[in-house]
C-alpha atoms as a PDB file:
ATOM      1  CA  MET A   1     325.709 279.860 160.856  1.00  0.00           C
ATOM      2  CA  THR A   2     327.723 278.371 158.019  1.00  0.00           C
ATOM      3  CA  LYS A   3     326.492 277.101 155.051  1.00  0.00           C
ATOM      4  CA  ASN A   4     324.423 273.991 154.667  1.00  0.00           C
ATOM      5  CA  VAL A   5     326.521 270.810 153.172  1.00  0.00           C
ATOM      6  CA  ALA A   6     325.124 267.150 152.522  1.00  0.00           C
ATOM      7  CA  ALA A   7     326.177 264.214 150.992  1.00  0.00           C
ATOM      8  CA  TRP A   8     323.329 263.443 148.510  1.00  0.00           C
ATOM      9  CA  ILE A   9     322.662 260.719 146.089  1.00  0.00           C
ATOM     10  CA  PRO A  10     322.135 262.286 143.197  1.00  0.00           C
ATOM     11  CA  LYS A  11     320.130 259.879 141.435  1.00  0.00           C
ATOM     12  CA  ALA A  12     319.464 256.214 141.472  1.00  0.00           C
ATOM     13  CA  LYS A  13     321.839 253.755 142.381  1.00  0.00           C
ATOM     14  CA  ALA A  14     324.976 256.189 142.406  1.00  0.00           C
ATOM     15  CA  LEU A  15     327.630 257.139 144.721  1.00  0.00           C
ATOM     16  CA  LEU A  16     327.303 259.692 147.239  1.00  0.00           C
ATOM     17  CA  GLU A  17     328.297 263.246 146.261  1.00  0.00           C
ATOM     18  CA  VAL A  18     328.955 266.136 148.746  1.00  0.00           C
ATOM     19  CA  LYS A  19     327.696 269.304 147.954  1.00  0.00           C
ATOM     20  CA  GLU A  20     325.727 272.508 148.731  1.00  0.00           C
ATOM     21  CA  ALA A  21     322.490 272.354 150.727  1.00  0.00           C
ATOM     22  CA  PRO A  22     319.796 274.567 151.212  1.00  0.00           C
ATOM     23  CA  ASP A  23     319.726 276.453 154.512  1.00  0.00           C
ATOM     24  CA  TRP A  24     316.452 274.786 155.822  1.00  0.00           C
ATOM     25  CA  LYS A  25     313.953 276.418 157.936  1.00  0.00           C
ATOM     26  CA  VAL A  26     312.034 274.709 161.066  1.00  0.00           C
ATOM     27  CA  GLU A  27     308.391 274.891 161.256  1.00  0.00           C
ATOM     28  CA  LYS A  28     306.037 273.940 164.048  1.00  0.00           C
ATOM     29  CA  GLY A  29     307.299 271.401 165.953  1.00  0.00           C
ATOM     30  CA  GLU A  30     310.915 270.776 164.657  1.00  0.00           C
ATOM     31  CA  VAL A  31     314.070 271.475 165.774  1.00  0.00           C
ATOM     32  CA  LEU A  32     317.565 272.428 163.503  1.00  0.00           C
ATOM     33  CA  VAL A  33     320.315 270.539 164.578  1.00  0.00           C
ATOM     34  CA  GLU A  34     324.219 271.202 163.809  1.00  0.00           C
ATOM     35  CA  VAL A  35     325.159 267.631 163.274  1.00  0.00           C
ATOM     36  CA  HIS A  36     328.386 266.521 164.684  1.00  0.00           C
ATOM     37  CA  SER A  37     328.073 262.585 164.167  1.00  0.00           C
ATOM     38  CA  VAL A  38     325.791 260.121 161.940  1.00  0.00           C
ATOM     39  CA  SER A  39     325.253 256.391 162.146  1.00  0.00           C
ATOM     40  CA  VAL A  40     324.767 254.379 158.781  1.00  0.00           C
ATOM     41  CA  GLN A  41     321.984 251.608 158.797  1.00  0.00           C
ATOM     42  CA  PRO A  42     322.402 248.391 156.726  1.00  0.00           C
ATOM     43  CA  VAL A  43     319.503 249.702 154.718  1.00  0.00           C
ATOM     44  CA  ASP A  44     321.188 252.693 153.572  1.00  0.00           C
ATOM     45  CA  TRP A  45     323.347 250.506 151.035  1.00  0.00           C
ATOM     46  CA  LYS A  46     320.619 248.604 149.743  1.00  0.00           C
ATOM     47  CA  ILE A  47     318.596 251.803 149.330  1.00  0.00           C
ATOM     48  CA  GLN A  48     321.404 253.264 147.567  1.00  0.00           C
ATOM     49  CA  ASP A  49     322.074 250.086 145.382  1.00  0.00           C
ATOM     50  CA  TYR A  50     318.257 248.701 144.505  1.00  0.00           C
ATOM     51  CA  ASP A  51     316.833 251.832 144.495  1.00  0.00           C
ATOM     52  CA  PHE A  52     314.059 251.614 146.860  1.00  0.00           C
ATOM     53  CA  PHE A  53     312.080 254.009 149.423  1.00  0.00           C
ATOM     54  CA  VAL A  54     313.414 257.583 147.661  1.00  0.00           C
ATOM     55  CA  LYS A  55     310.380 258.905 145.658  1.00  0.00           C
ATOM     56  CA  GLU A  56     312.826 261.744 144.414  1.00  0.00           C
ATOM     57  CA  TYR A  57     316.578 262.417 143.449  1.00  0.00           C
ATOM     58  CA  PRO A  58     318.706 264.323 144.550  1.00  0.00           C
ATOM     59  CA  PHE A  59     317.738 262.772 148.091  1.00  0.00           C
ATOM     60  CA  ILE A  60     319.864 263.267 151.284  1.00  0.00           C
ATOM     61  CA  LEU A  61     319.613 259.702 153.438  1.00  0.00           C
ATOM     62  CA  GLY A  62     320.567 259.194 157.162  1.00  0.00           C
ATOM     63  CA  THR A  63     318.388 258.498 159.797  1.00  0.00           C
ATOM     64  CA  ASP A  64     320.555 259.034 162.882  1.00  0.00           C
ATOM     65  CA  VAL A  65     322.112 262.164 163.936  1.00  0.00           C
ATOM     66  CA  ALA A  66     323.353 263.475 167.147  1.00  0.00           C
ATOM     67  CA  GLY A  67     324.986 267.030 167.953  1.00  0.00           C
ATOM     68  CA  THR A  68     323.877 270.662 168.970  1.00  0.00           C
ATOM     69  CA  VAL A  69     320.542 272.128 168.403  1.00  0.00           C
ATOM     70  CA  VAL A  70     320.608 275.483 166.870  1.00  0.00           C
ATOM     71  CA  GLU A  71     317.033 276.772 166.675  1.00  0.00           C
ATOM     72  CA  VAL A  72     313.823 275.606 167.999  1.00  0.00           C
ATOM     73  CA  ALA A  73     310.242 276.111 166.188  1.00  0.00           C
ATOM     74  CA  ASP A  74     307.829 278.388 168.865  1.00  0.00           C
ATOM     75  CA  GLY A  75     306.112 275.642 171.242  1.00  0.00           C
ATOM     76  CA  VAL A  76     308.947 273.085 171.498  1.00  0.00           C
ATOM     77  CA  THR A  77     310.338 272.692 175.021  1.00  0.00           C
ATOM     78  CA  ASN A  78     311.809 269.511 175.391  1.00  0.00           C
ATOM     79  CA  VAL A  79     315.319 271.112 174.174  1.00  0.00           C
ATOM     80  CA  LYS A  80     316.537 274.252 173.231  1.00  0.00           C
ATOM     81  CA  LYS A  81     319.223 276.080 171.490  1.00  0.00           C
ATOM     82  CA  GLY A  82     322.821 274.828 172.385  1.00  0.00           C
ATOM     83  CA  ASP A  83     321.225 271.682 173.812  1.00  0.00           C
ATOM     84  CA  ARG A  84     323.487 268.467 172.832  1.00  0.00           C
ATOM     85  CA  VAL A  85     321.019 265.976 171.525  1.00  0.00           C
ATOM     86  CA  LEU A  86     320.248 262.810 169.723  1.00  0.00           C
ATOM     87  CA  ALA A  87     317.511 262.710 167.088  1.00  0.00           C
ATOM     88  CA  HIS A  88     315.695 260.364 164.405  1.00  0.00           C
ATOM     89  CA  CYS A  89     315.555 261.906 161.232  1.00  0.00           C
ATOM     90  CA  SER A  90     312.357 261.185 159.416  1.00  0.00           C
ATOM     91  CA  GLY A  91     313.452 262.045 155.670  1.00  0.00           C
ATOM     92  CA  LEU A  92     312.371 258.463 154.616  1.00  0.00           C
ATOM     93  CA  GLY A  93     308.628 259.093 155.823  1.00  0.00           C
ATOM     94  CA  THR A  94     308.201 262.706 154.794  1.00  0.00           C
ATOM     95  CA  GLY A  95     310.193 262.214 151.505  1.00  0.00           C
ATOM     96  CA  GLN A  96     311.676 265.687 152.513  1.00  0.00           C
ATOM     97  CA  ALA A  97     315.164 265.888 152.245  1.00  0.00           C
ATOM     98  CA  LYS A  98     315.203 268.654 154.850  1.00  0.00           C
ATOM     99  CA  HIS A  99     314.668 265.910 157.433  1.00  0.00           C
ATOM    100  CA  SER A 100     317.481 263.651 156.380  1.00  0.00           C
ATOM    101  CA  GLY A 101     320.631 262.983 158.338  1.00  0.00           C
ATOM    102  CA  PHE A 102     323.891 262.998 155.867  1.00  0.00           C
ATOM    103  CA  GLN A 103     324.299 266.499 155.911  1.00  0.00           C
ATOM    104  CA  LYS A 104     325.473 269.293 158.471  1.00  0.00           C
ATOM    105  CA  TYR A 105     322.352 270.935 159.608  1.00  0.00           C
ATOM    106  CA  SER A 106     318.915 268.906 159.664  1.00  0.00           C
ATOM    107  CA  VAL A 107     315.773 269.481 160.663  1.00  0.00           C
ATOM    108  CA  VAL A 108     314.246 266.824 163.038  1.00  0.00           C
ATOM    109  CA  SER A 109     310.798 266.470 164.940  1.00  0.00           C
ATOM    110  CA  ALA A 110     311.101 267.712 168.679  1.00  0.00           C
ATOM    111  CA  LEU A 111     309.046 264.591 169.463  1.00  0.00           C
ATOM    112  CA  LEU A 112     312.062 262.388 168.379  1.00  0.00           C
ATOM    113  CA  THR A 113     314.285 264.212 169.670  1.00  0.00           C
ATOM    114  CA  SER A 114     316.349 263.931 173.079  1.00  0.00           C
ATOM    115  CA  PRO A 115     318.891 266.011 174.976  1.00  0.00           C
ATOM    116  CA  ILE A 116     321.936 263.678 176.032  1.00  0.00           C
ATOM    117  CA  PRO A 117     324.160 264.100 179.202  1.00  0.00           C
ATOM    118  CA  ASP A 118     327.901 264.796 178.865  1.00  0.00           C
ATOM    119  CA  SER A 119     328.780 261.828 179.507  1.00  0.00           C
ATOM    120  CA  VAL A 120     327.653 260.471 176.682  1.00  0.00           C
ATOM    121  CA  SER A 121     329.565 261.216 173.959  1.00  0.00           C
ATOM    122  CA  PHE A 122     327.908 262.331 170.083  1.00  0.00           C
ATOM    123  CA  ASP A 123     329.243 259.066 168.400  1.00  0.00           C
ATOM    124  CA  GLU A 124     328.230 257.193 171.222  1.00  0.00           C
ATOM    125  CA  ALA A 125     324.600 259.009 170.945  1.00  0.00           C
ATOM    126  CA  THR A 126     324.041 258.233 167.526  1.00  0.00           C
ATOM    127  CA  VAL A 127     323.733 254.573 167.656  1.00  0.00           C
ATOM    128  CA  LEU A 128     320.547 254.605 169.287  1.00  0.00           C
ATOM    129  CA  PRO A 129     317.564 257.030 167.789  1.00  0.00           C
ATOM    130  CA  LEU A 130     316.605 254.306 165.122  1.00  0.00           C
ATOM    131  CA  ALA A 131     316.941 251.447 166.602  1.00  0.00           C
ATOM    132  CA  LEU A 132     314.869 252.832 170.165  1.00  0.00           C
ATOM    133  CA  SER A 133     312.083 253.909 167.545  1.00  0.00           C
ATOM    134  CA  THR A 134     312.132 250.567 165.417  1.00  0.00           C
ATOM    135  CA  ALA A 135     312.368 248.572 168.694  1.00  0.00           C
ATOM    136  CA  ALA A 136     309.578 250.747 170.350  1.00  0.00           C
ATOM    137  CA  ALA A 137     307.207 250.768 167.240  1.00  0.00           C
ATOM    138  CA  GLY A 138     307.486 246.898 167.979  1.00  0.00           C
ATOM    139  CA  LEU A 139     307.302 246.739 171.751  1.00  0.00           C
ATOM    140  CA  TYR A 140     304.528 249.232 172.163  1.00  0.00           C
ATOM    141  CA  GLN A 141     301.789 249.696 169.356  1.00  0.00           C
ATOM    142  CA  LYS A 142     298.434 248.314 170.168  1.00  0.00           C
ATOM    143  CA  ASP A 143     298.674 245.953 167.366  1.00  0.00           C
ATOM    144  CA  HIS A 144     302.046 244.439 168.117  1.00  0.00           C
ATOM    145  CA  LEU A 145     303.104 243.419 171.425  1.00  0.00           C
ATOM    146  CA  ASP A 146     301.360 246.128 173.782  1.00  0.00           C
ATOM    147  CA  LEU A 147     303.761 246.147 176.480  1.00  0.00           C
ATOM    148  CA  PRO A 148     303.859 248.865 179.384  1.00  0.00           C
ATOM    149  CA  LEU A 149     305.646 252.215 178.110  1.00  0.00           C
ATOM    150  CA  PRO A 150     309.346 252.564 179.307  1.00  0.00           C
ATOM    151  CA  LYS A 151     310.313 253.935 182.884  1.00  0.00           C
ATOM    152  CA  ALA A 152     313.824 255.118 183.589  1.00  0.00           C
ATOM    153  CA  ASP A 153     313.536 254.156 187.093  1.00  0.00           C
ATOM    154  CA  ALA A 154     312.103 250.913 186.491  1.00  0.00           C
ATOM    155  CA  THR A 155     313.651 248.000 189.082  1.00  0.00           C
ATOM    156  CA  LYS A 156     312.557 244.451 187.866  1.00  0.00           C
ATOM    157  CA  ALA A 157     310.266 241.768 185.968  1.00  0.00           C
ATOM    158  CA  GLU A 158     306.888 241.744 186.688  1.00  0.00           C
ATOM    159  CA  GLY A 159     305.920 238.322 185.498  1.00  0.00           C
ATOM    160  CA  LYS A 160     305.846 239.037 181.594  1.00  0.00           C
ATOM    161  CA  VAL A 161     308.815 237.728 179.408  1.00  0.00           C
ATOM    162  CA  ILE A 162     309.785 238.303 175.417  1.00  0.00           C
ATOM    163  CA  LEU A 163     312.106 236.687 173.357  1.00  0.00           C
ATOM    164  CA  VAL A 164     314.117 239.062 171.302  1.00  0.00           C
ATOM    165  CA  TYR A 165     315.467 237.416 168.381  1.00  0.00           C
ATOM    166  CA  GLY A 166     319.194 239.052 167.656  1.00  0.00           C
ATOM    167  CA  GLY A 167     319.742 240.768 170.992  1.00  0.00           C
ATOM    168  CA  SER A 168     323.299 241.945 169.728  1.00  0.00           C
ATOM    169  CA  SER A 169     322.361 244.141 166.926  1.00  0.00           C
ATOM    170  CA  SER A 170     321.331 247.710 167.120  1.00  0.00           C
ATOM    171  CA  VAL A 171     317.578 247.162 167.229  1.00  0.00           C
ATOM    172  CA  GLY A 172     318.019 244.239 169.405  1.00  0.00           C
ATOM    173  CA  SER A 173     319.963 245.875 171.697  1.00  0.00           C
ATOM    174  CA  ALA A 174     317.555 248.569 171.870  1.00  0.00           C
ATOM    175  CA  ALA A 175     314.783 246.211 172.235  1.00  0.00           C
ATOM    176  CA  ILE A 176     315.961 244.660 175.300  1.00  0.00           C
ATOM    177  CA  GLN A 177     316.648 247.957 177.411  1.00  0.00           C
ATOM    178  CA  LEU A 178     313.484 249.099 176.435  1.00  0.00           C
ATOM    179  CA  ALA A 179     311.713 245.754 177.511  1.00  0.00           C
ATOM    180  CA  VAL A 180     313.596 245.370 180.846  1.00  0.00           C
ATOM    181  CA  ALA A 181     312.528 249.322 181.610  1.00  0.00           C
ATOM    182  CA  SER A 182     308.630 248.364 180.979  1.00  0.00           C
ATOM    183  CA  GLY A 183     309.370 245.830 183.274  1.00  0.00           C
ATOM    184  CA  VAL A 184     309.308 242.823 181.432  1.00  0.00           C
ATOM    185  CA  ALA A 185     312.038 240.215 181.357  1.00  0.00           C
ATOM    186  CA  VAL A 186     313.570 239.236 178.136  1.00  0.00           C
ATOM    187  CA  VAL A 187     315.234 236.033 176.769  1.00  0.00           C
ATOM    188  CA  THR A 188     317.558 236.490 173.340  1.00  0.00           C
ATOM    189  CA  THR A 189     319.077 235.082 170.752  1.00  0.00           C
ATOM    190  CA  CYS A 190     322.590 235.686 169.760  1.00  0.00           C
ATOM    191  CA  SER A 191     326.183 234.256 169.347  1.00  0.00           C
ATOM    192  CA  PRO A 192     328.062 232.950 172.227  1.00  0.00           C
ATOM    193  CA  ALA A 193     330.539 236.147 171.814  1.00  0.00           C
ATOM    194  CA  ASN A 194     328.139 238.508 172.638  1.00  0.00           C
ATOM    195  CA  PHE A 195     326.328 236.808 175.759  1.00  0.00           C
ATOM    196  CA  ASP A 196     328.019 238.974 178.017  1.00  0.00           C
ATOM    197  CA  LEU A 197     326.640 242.148 176.093  1.00  0.00           C
ATOM    198  CA  VAL A 198     323.184 241.287 175.751  1.00  0.00           C
ATOM    199  CA  LYS A 199     322.906 240.328 179.577  1.00  0.00           C
ATOM    200  CA  SER A 200     325.201 243.419 180.586  1.00  0.00           C
ATOM    201  CA  LEU A 201     321.765 245.457 178.964  1.00  0.00           C
ATOM    202  CA  GLY A 202     319.073 243.528 181.222  1.00  0.00           C
ATOM    203  CA  ALA A 203     318.683 240.239 179.192  1.00  0.00           C
ATOM    204  CA  ALA A 204     317.567 237.276 181.772  1.00  0.00           C
ATOM    205  CA  ALA A 205     319.031 234.713 179.388  1.00  0.00           C
ATOM    206  CA  ALA A 206     321.132 234.564 176.094  1.00  0.00           C
ATOM    207  CA  ILE A 207     320.592 231.242 173.537  1.00  0.00           C
ATOM    208  CA  ASP A 208     322.733 230.425 170.872  1.00  0.00           C
ATOM    209  CA  TYR A 209     321.057 230.929 167.338  1.00  0.00           C
ATOM    210  CA  ARG A 210     323.151 228.888 165.662  1.00  0.00           C
ATOM    211  CA  ALA A 211     322.424 225.726 168.097  1.00  0.00           C
ATOM    212  CA  ASP A 212     320.148 223.007 166.788  1.00  0.00           C
ATOM    213  CA  SER A 213     318.214 222.798 170.052  1.00  0.00           C
ATOM    214  CA  LEU A 214     317.669 226.437 169.968  1.00  0.00           C
ATOM    215  CA  VAL A 215     313.850 226.299 169.995  1.00  0.00           C
ATOM    216  CA  ASP A 216     313.941 224.028 173.102  1.00  0.00           C
ATOM    217  CA  ASP A 217     316.813 225.959 174.866  1.00  0.00           C
ATOM    218  CA  ALA A 218     314.267 229.218 174.073  1.00  0.00           C
ATOM    219  CA  VAL A 219     311.193 227.666 175.353  1.00  0.00           C
ATOM    220  CA  ARG A 220     312.935 226.593 178.649  1.00  0.00           C
ATOM    221  CA  ALA A 221     314.298 229.881 179.232  1.00  0.00           C
ATOM    222  CA  ILE A 222     311.905 231.872 178.816  1.00  0.00           C
ATOM    223  CA  GLU A 223     309.196 229.494 181.053  1.00  0.00           C
ATOM    224  CA  ALA A 224     312.205 229.823 183.682  1.00  0.00           C
ATOM    225  CA  ALA A 225     312.457 234.005 183.431  1.00  0.00           C
ATOM    226  CA  GLY A 226     308.656 234.593 183.867  1.00  0.00           C
ATOM    227  CA  SER A 227     304.869 233.660 184.232  1.00  0.00           C
ATOM    228  CA  GLU A 228     303.377 235.558 181.264  1.00  0.00           C
ATOM    229  CA  PHE A 229     304.713 235.180 177.548  1.00  0.00           C
ATOM    230  CA  ALA A 230     304.243 238.247 175.588  1.00  0.00           C
ATOM    231  CA  GLY A 231     305.431 237.886 172.423  1.00  0.00           C
ATOM    232  CA  VAL A 232     308.577 237.988 169.843  1.00  0.00           C
ATOM    233  CA  TYR A 233     310.630 240.781 168.545  1.00  0.00           C
ATOM    234  CA  ASP A 234     312.558 239.567 165.624  1.00  0.00           C
ATOM    235  CA  ALA A 235     315.183 242.416 165.338  1.00  0.00           C
ATOM    236  CA  ILE A 236     316.853 240.121 162.463  1.00  0.00           C
ATOM    237  CA  SER A 237     313.706 238.844 160.118  1.00  0.00           C
ATOM    238  CA  GLU A 238     315.665 237.251 157.230  1.00  0.00           C
ATOM    239  CA  LYS A 239     316.990 233.600 156.750  1.00  0.00           C
ATOM    240  CA  GLY A 240     314.154 231.748 158.784  1.00  0.00           C
ATOM    241  CA  THR A 241     314.428 233.712 161.725  1.00  0.00           C
ATOM    242  CA  VAL A 242     310.571 234.886 161.628  1.00  0.00           C
ATOM    243  CA  GLU A 243     310.227 230.968 161.822  1.00  0.00           C
ATOM    244  CA  LYS A 244     311.980 229.925 163.975  1.00  0.00           C
ATOM    245  CA  SER A 245     310.417 232.713 166.601  1.00  0.00           C
ATOM    246  CA  ALA A 246     307.152 231.842 165.471  1.00  0.00           C
ATOM    247  CA  GLU A 247     307.629 228.250 166.608  1.00  0.00           C
ATOM    248  CA  ILE A 248     309.119 229.100 169.892  1.00  0.00           C
ATOM    249  CA  ALA A 249     305.965 231.529 170.241  1.00  0.00           C
ATOM    250  CA  SER A 250     303.428 228.729 169.722  1.00  0.00           C
ATOM    251  CA  LYS A 251     305.653 226.384 171.781  1.00  0.00           C
ATOM    252  CA  ALA A 252     306.436 228.812 174.972  1.00  0.00           C
ATOM    253  CA  PHE A 253     303.779 228.084 177.936  1.00  0.00           C
ATOM    254  CA  GLY A 254     301.916 225.340 175.938  1.00  0.00           C
ATOM    255  CA  GLY A 255     301.296 228.069 173.367  1.00  0.00           C
ATOM    256  CA  LYS A 256     299.125 230.184 176.019  1.00  0.00           C
ATOM    257  CA  GLY A 257     300.780 233.460 175.770  1.00  0.00           C
ATOM    258  CA  LYS A 258     300.577 236.617 173.211  1.00  0.00           C
ATOM    259  CA  LEU A 259     301.327 234.873 170.188  1.00  0.00           C
ATOM    260  CA  HIS A 260     302.700 237.745 168.091  1.00  0.00           C
ATOM    261  CA  VAL A 261     305.902 238.251 165.993  1.00  0.00           C
ATOM    262  CA  ALA A 262     307.062 241.686 165.763  1.00  0.00           C
ATOM    263  CA  THR A 263     309.452 241.931 162.386  1.00  0.00           C
ATOM    264  CA  THR A 264     311.992 244.705 161.341  1.00  0.00           C
ATOM    265  CA  LEU A 265     311.218 243.157 157.604  1.00  0.00           C
ATOM    266  CA  PRO A 266     308.193 242.033 156.059  1.00  0.00           C
ATOM    267  CA  PRO A 267     307.430 238.858 157.295  1.00  0.00           C
ATOM    268  CA  PRO A 268     306.703 235.556 155.568  1.00  0.00           C
ATOM    269  CA  GLU A 269     303.272 234.560 154.749  1.00  0.00           C
ATOM    270  CA  LYS A 270     303.311 231.349 156.746  1.00  0.00           C
ATOM    271  CA  VAL A 271     304.610 230.888 160.215  1.00  0.00           C
ATOM    272  CA  ALA A 272     303.597 228.549 163.193  1.00  0.00           C
ATOM    273  CA  ASP A 273     299.838 227.761 163.412  1.00  0.00           C
ATOM    274  CA  GLY A 274     297.809 230.466 165.319  1.00  0.00           C
ATOM    275  CA  VAL A 275     300.888 232.719 165.291  1.00  0.00           C
ATOM    276  CA  LYS A 276     300.911 236.148 164.008  1.00  0.00           C
ATOM    277  CA  ALA A 277     303.494 237.849 162.318  1.00  0.00           C
ATOM    278  CA  ALA A 278     303.816 241.220 161.291  1.00  0.00           C
ATOM    279  CA  GLY A 279     305.971 244.108 160.268  1.00  0.00           C
ATOM    280  CA  VAL A 280     306.746 247.258 161.961  1.00  0.00           C
ATOM    281  CA  PHE A 281     307.996 250.599 160.766  1.00  0.00           C
ATOM    282  CA  ALA A 282     309.974 252.903 163.057  1.00  0.00           C
ATOM    283  CA  LEU A 283     308.046 256.189 162.399  1.00  0.00           C
ATOM    284  CA  ASP A 284     304.810 254.946 163.311  1.00  0.00           C
ATOM    285  CA  ILE A 285     305.618 256.165 166.689  1.00  0.00           C
ATOM    286  CA  LEU A 286     305.205 259.501 165.473  1.00  0.00           C
ATOM    287  CA  PHE A 287     302.614 258.816 163.082  1.00  0.00           C
ATOM    288  CA  LYS A 288     299.907 256.616 164.715  1.00  0.00           C
ATOM    289  CA  GLU A 289     298.196 256.494 167.868  1.00  0.00           C
ATOM    290  CA  ASP A 290     298.892 260.458 168.449  1.00  0.00           C
ATOM    291  CA  ALA A 291     302.528 259.974 169.034  1.00  0.00           C
ATOM    292  CA  ARG A 292     302.122 258.657 172.405  1.00  0.00           C
ATOM    293  CA  ILE A 293     304.949 256.222 172.225  1.00  0.00           C
ATOM    294  CA  ALA A 294     307.166 258.784 170.699  1.00  0.00           C
ATOM    295  CA  LYS A 295     306.656 261.162 173.653  1.00  0.00           C
ATOM    296  CA  ALA A 296     307.288 258.114 175.906  1.00  0.00           C
ATOM    297  CA  VAL A 297     310.547 257.321 174.627  1.00  0.00           C
ATOM    298  CA  TYR A 298     312.084 260.555 173.486  1.00  0.00           C
ATOM    299  CA  LEU A 299     310.542 263.022 176.010  1.00  0.00           C
ATOM    300  CA  ASP A 300     310.164 260.967 179.070  1.00  0.00           C
ATOM    301  CA  PHE A 301     312.364 258.066 178.758  1.00  0.00           C
ATOM    302  CA  VAL A 302     315.516 258.552 177.262  1.00  0.00           C
ATOM    303  CA  PRO A 303     316.621 262.195 179.103  1.00  0.00           C
ATOM    304  CA  LYS A 304     316.539 260.176 182.214  1.00  0.00           C
ATOM    305  CA  ALA A 305     317.540 256.640 181.568  1.00  0.00           C
ATOM    306  CA  LEU A 306     320.840 258.327 179.489  1.00  0.00           C
ATOM    307  CA  GLN A 307     321.487 260.182 182.721  1.00  0.00           C
ATOM    308  CA  ASN A 308     321.342 257.645 185.233  1.00  0.00           C
ATOM    309  CA  GLY A 309     323.031 255.090 183.031  1.00  0.00           C
ATOM    310  CA  SER A 310     319.736 252.612 182.563  1.00  0.00           C
ATOM    311  CA  LEU A 311     320.146 253.041 178.888  1.00  0.00           C
ATOM    312  CA  LYS A 312     323.735 252.290 177.340  1.00  0.00           C
ATOM    313  CA  PRO A 313     324.265 253.302 173.852  1.00  0.00           C
ATOM    314  CA  LYS A 314     324.831 249.646 172.661  1.00  0.00           C
ATOM    315  CA  PRO A 315     326.408 248.399 170.399  1.00  0.00           C
ATOM    316  CA  ASP A 316     329.832 250.570 170.538  1.00  0.00           C
ATOM    317  CA  PRO A 317     330.241 252.630 167.462  1.00  0.00           C
ATOM    318  CA  LEU A 318     332.407 251.504 164.544  1.00  0.00           C
ATOM    319  CA  VAL A 319     334.091 254.866 163.621  1.00  0.00           C
ATOM    320  CA  VAL A 320     335.047 255.046 160.217  1.00  0.00           C
ATOM    321  CA  GLY A 321     336.122 258.435 159.216  1.00  0.00           C
ATOM    322  CA  LYS A 322     335.446 262.089 159.763  1.00  0.00           C
ATOM    323  CA  GLY A 323     333.211 264.713 157.630  1.00  0.00           C
ATOM    324  CA  LEU A 324     330.374 263.643 155.083  1.00  0.00           C
ATOM    325  CA  GLU A 325     332.926 262.364 152.574  1.00  0.00           C
ATOM    326  CA  LYS A 326     333.519 259.612 154.447  1.00  0.00           C
ATOM    327  CA  VAL A 327     329.756 258.429 154.625  1.00  0.00           C
ATOM    328  CA  GLN A 328     329.989 256.904 151.312  1.00  0.00           C
ATOM    329  CA  GLU A 329     332.955 254.438 152.650  1.00  0.00           C
ATOM    330  CA  GLY A 330     330.238 254.329 156.029  1.00  0.00           C
ATOM    331  CA  LEU A 331     327.634 252.431 153.612  1.00  0.00           C
ATOM    332  CA  ASN A 332     330.458 250.349 152.091  1.00  0.00           C
ATOM    333  CA  VAL A 333     331.426 249.068 155.449  1.00  0.00           C
ATOM    334  CA  GLN A 334     327.925 248.193 156.551  1.00  0.00           C
ATOM    335  CA  LYS A 335     327.224 246.360 153.303  1.00  0.00           C
ATOM    336  CA  LYS A 336     330.234 244.003 154.002  1.00  0.00           C
ATOM    337  CA  GLY A 337     329.062 242.973 157.735  1.00  0.00           C
ATOM    338  CA  VAL A 338     329.631 244.287 160.763  1.00  0.00           C
ATOM    339  CA  SER A 339     328.661 242.284 164.318  1.00  0.00           C
ATOM    340  CA  ALA A 340     327.764 244.264 167.601  1.00  0.00           C
ATOM    341  CA  LYS A 341     328.890 247.179 166.699  1.00  0.00           C
ATOM    342  CA  LYS A 342     327.168 250.407 164.608  1.00  0.00           C
ATOM    343  CA  VAL A 343     329.136 252.001 161.808  1.00  0.00           C
ATOM    344  CA  VAL A 344     329.416 255.971 162.629  1.00  0.00           C
ATOM    345  CA  VAL A 345     331.076 258.965 161.087  1.00  0.00           C
ATOM    346  CA  SER A 346     331.975 261.586 163.214  1.00  0.00           C
ATOM    347  CA  ASP A 347     332.946 265.322 162.698  1.00  0.00           C
ATOM    348  CA  ILE A 348     330.191 265.767 160.209  1.00  0.00           C
ATOM    349  CA  ALA A 349     330.056 269.251 161.279  1.00  0.00           C
ATOM    350  CA  SER A 350     333.304 270.244 160.235  1.00  0.00           C
ATOM    351  CA  ALA A 351     332.465 270.252 156.790  1.00  0.00           C
END
């Protein structure tokens, strides 16, 4: 195994620097991955610009990786040395740089790691992990939407219907696919340019989020798609989307459904009467409820669903370059904004 190298953030609000990193050791329940591709999250540049989440510098960012298993701890059985995998890195939760993604070798939790088939490239696979975890935290936790856990062989909706606000985003795309795999119909909002994308992921209907008639259009679509409203997943959670989501929840089926909006950012204090809005934290699927959600998603669902094609790695990767030196450029591109794409840096292991 060659020497580890990482794209470090050396101090608050500093640009990334590529330098040597420790050769990490796996502990109980962990997997060492040689990283081939990483994806960049919208939060990454915000952490860099505004200095939050990171407890101590220097640190390594990065939450999504795809690569090859180098080593597994004793007792890990869902992946083995040599497997091609995707993984959600937990560094922002544990505060340990070894658990972060922007490096040649990353230590990940086995419960947040899934093997990937040869038909899925590393660049494609790395768009999924954090999006899956964030979506799953809102869809399946008992204090959020509490939907049935996903199955790779799910066939059709069974009466429940949810709204996914922002279905063409990375988290929205994951939320649509997970909900459909749970036997739940999905109505989603996005721009008309992305209607075909969200419908290809299983959405029963797509609504133009910019339309003046958004609320009424969404309510009609929800009532046509199912018989029981099971709540809202707001994958955007800013600039008024939570308030819109709550208004839709309060009106669908006369306000008799699940009056809950799961949000990816802290929600406003006041939304429609009777509706609860609450933020989700992706790593709760590992740290809460005995990791039942992490196990259901990463151990049971993802491997089979990628193999049979029921889980698609969407949105498509936007590869901005190769090697750790290009990670800072990835943050810059993400800061400018992308639509229906996930910023990816490939060939990390060539560093």
